């Protein structure tokens, strides 16, 4: 027996290896003062662009006489625009 997770590397090794692989050990490099908000990057695919842009932006872009619409994605809560999908 033992209490809690005792014996995970000894007499309960089969259980830990079978049901909890990767429980023990280290992965990757240490980063001492990790600030997670610096890596916060919400993304959006290109095909959802006009869903987020708002009412009338697609129609204005369609009849824009060659002018491209300017959409501020940071204001909408997205930091990165990916190239997935197509704009029709």
Protein backbone atom coordinates (compact mmCIF):
# COMPACT_ATOMS: atom_id res chain seq x y z
CA UNK A 1 0.00 0.00 0.00
CA UNK A 2 1.09 3.38 1.12
CA UNK A 3 -0.70 6.69 1.15
CA UNK A 4 -1.55 8.77 -1.90
CA UNK A 5 0.77 8.18 -4.83
CA UNK A 6 3.35 6.28 -2.78
CA UNK A 7 5.22 3.58 -4.66
CA UNK A 8 4.70 5.09 -8.09
CA UNK A 9 8.31 4.38 -9.02
CA UNK A 10 8.55 1.18 -7.00
CA UNK A 11 5.77 -1.28 -6.11
CA UNK A 12 3.00 0.56 -8.04
CA UNK A 13 5.12 0.98 -11.14
CA UNK A 14 2.92 -1.20 -13.40
CA UNK A 15 -0.20 0.81 -12.53
CA UNK A 16 1.53 4.16 -13.08
CA UNK A 17 3.09 3.07 -16.39
CA UNK A 18 -0.16 1.58 -17.64
CA UNK A 19 -2.71 4.22 -16.65
CA UNK A 20 -0.58 7.36 -16.19
CA UNK A 21 2.26 7.33 -18.75
CA UNK A 22 4.51 10.35 -18.58
CA UNK A 23 3.62 11.14 -14.95
CA UNK A 24 7.26 11.15 -13.85
CA UNK A 25 10.10 13.05 -15.47
CA UNK A 26 10.86 16.45 -16.90
CA UNK A 27 10.09 17.84 -20.33
CA UNK A 28 11.63 20.92 -21.94
CA UNK A 29 13.64 23.80 -20.58
CA UNK A 30 12.93 25.75 -17.43
CA UNK A 31 11.81 29.35 -17.75
CA UNK A 32 12.29 31.03 -14.41
CA UNK A 33 9.78 33.89 -14.46
CA UNK A 34 7.10 32.59 -16.80
CA UNK A 35 4.58 35.25 -17.81
CA UNK A 36 1.81 33.43 -19.66
CA UNK A 37 0.07 36.56 -20.92
CA UNK A 38 3.00 37.27 -23.25
CA UNK A 39 2.25 34.11 -25.18
CA UNK A 40 -1.52 34.74 -25.35
CA UNK A 41 -2.30 34.85 -29.07
CA UNK A 42 -5.90 34.18 -30.09
CA UNK A 43 -6.04 33.25 -33.76
CA UNK A 44 -8.66 33.28 -36.49
CA UNK A 45 -8.77 31.80 -39.97
CA UNK A 46 -9.26 33.89 -43.08
CA UNK A 47 -12.64 32.37 -43.93
CA UNK A 48 -14.15 33.71 -40.66
CA UNK A 49 -12.89 37.24 -41.23
CA UNK A 50 -16.16 38.82 -42.31
CA UNK A 51 -18.12 36.99 -39.59
CA UNK A 52 -16.09 38.89 -37.01
CA UNK A 53 -15.88 42.19 -38.92
CA UNK A 54 -19.50 43.16 -38.33
CA UNK A 55 -22.53 44.17 -40.34
CA UNK A 56 -22.04 45.72 -43.75
CA UNK A 57 -18.27 45.24 -44.04
CA UNK A 58 -18.56 42.41 -46.55
CA UNK A 59 -21.02 44.31 -48.75
CA UNK A 60 -18.86 47.44 -48.62
CA UNK A 61 -15.79 45.41 -49.58
CA UNK A 62 -17.67 43.71 -52.42
CA UNK A 63 -18.69 47.08 -53.88
CA UNK A 64 -15.54 48.92 -52.79
CA UNK A 65 -14.30 49.80 -56.29
CA UNK A 66 -10.91 48.17 -55.68
CA UNK A 67 -10.45 49.44 -52.12
CA UNK A 68 -9.57 46.88 -49.46
CA UNK A 69 -11.43 47.06 -46.13
CA UNK A 70 -9.41 47.77 -43.00
CA UNK A 71 -10.50 45.55 -40.11
CA UNK A 72 -8.90 45.98 -36.67
CA UNK A 73 -8.71 42.43 -35.34
CA UNK A 74 -7.04 43.40 -32.07
CA UNK A 75 -10.11 45.49 -31.27
CA UNK A 76 -12.22 42.37 -31.93
CA UNK A 77 -10.02 40.23 -29.65
CA UNK A 78 -7.86 38.37 -32.20
CA UNK A 79 -4.10 38.85 -32.41
CA UNK A 80 -3.18 36.70 -35.41
CA UNK A 81 -4.85 36.05 -38.75
CA UNK A 82 -4.18 32.63 -40.26
CA UNK A 83 -4.52 31.71 -43.93
CA UNK A 84 -7.05 28.89 -43.67
CA UNK A 85 -10.04 28.93 -45.99
CA UNK A 86 -11.08 31.29 -48.75
CA UNK A 87 -12.89 34.58 -49.03
CA UNK A 88 -15.72 34.36 -51.55
